[in-house]
Amino acid sequence: MENTHSSALIAKHAGLDARIAAENNRPAPDSALIATLKKQKLRIKEALRKI
């Protein structure tokens, strides 16, 4: 159970990384969106530490 959950969190973390990179590569990146994505990524990282 924990392995599946941690795998899902790792996949979400990687997905957020990709979204942040894509947004940063746009001509006019949305800094508010990037900040929101980074906060989500941090929450996932903290959840992974607790597992």
Protein backbone atom coordinates (compact mmCIF):
# COMPACT_ATOMS: atom_id res chain seq x y z
CA MET A 1 0.00 0.00 0.00
CA GLU A 2 2.71 2.50 0.99
CA ASN A 3 4.76 1.59 -2.09
CA THR A 4 1.83 2.35 -4.39
CA HIS A 5 1.14 5.60 -2.58
CA SER A 6 4.77 6.70 -2.70
CA SER A 7 4.98 5.78 -6.39
CA ALA A 8 1.93 7.93 -7.09
CA LEU A 9 3.43 10.83 -5.15
CA ILE A 10 6.73 10.50 -7.00
CA ALA A 11 4.87 10.54 -10.33
CA LYS A 12 2.92 13.66 -9.30
CA HIS A 13 6.18 15.32 -8.19
CA ALA A 14 7.76 14.59 -11.58
CA GLY A 15 4.66 15.87 -13.37
CA LEU A 16 4.83 19.12 -11.44
CA ASP A 17 8.52 19.44 -12.34
CA ALA A 18 7.60 19.11 -16.00
CA ARG A 19 4.80 21.68 -15.71
CA ILE A 20 7.11 24.15 -13.95
CA ALA A 21 9.78 23.69 -16.62
CA ALA A 22 7.24 24.12 -19.42
CA GLU A 23 5.87 27.28 -17.84
CA ASN A 24 9.36 28.71 -17.37
CA ASN A 25 10.10 28.11 -21.06
CA ARG A 26 7.10 30.10 -22.24
CA PRO A 27 7.75 33.60 -23.56
CA ALA A 28 5.77 35.15 -20.67
CA PRO A 29 5.74 32.69 -17.75
CA ASP A 30 2.95 33.06 -15.19
CA SER A 31 4.78 33.59 -11.92
CA ALA A 32 1.63 33.00 -9.84
CA LEU A 33 1.10 29.62 -11.49
CA ILE A 34 4.75 28.70 -10.98
CA ALA A 35 4.50 29.62 -7.28
CA THR A 36 1.36 27.47 -6.91
CA LEU A 37 3.00 24.52 -8.64
CA LYS A 38 6.10 24.84 -6.44
CA LYS A 39 3.93 24.84 -3.31
CA GLN A 40 2.17 21.69 -4.50
CA LYS A 41 5.54 20.11 -5.20
CA LEU A 42 6.75 20.99 -1.70
CA ARG A 43 3.64 19.45 -0.10
CA ILE A 44 4.26 16.23 -2.02
CA LYS A 45 7.91 16.22 -0.97
CA GLU A 46 6.88 16.60 2.67
CA ALA A 47 4.34 13.79 2.32
CA LEU A 48 7.05 11.53 0.88
CA ARG A 49 9.29 12.25 3.87
CA LYS A 50 6.54 11.11 6.24
CA ILE A 51 6.19 7.74 4.53
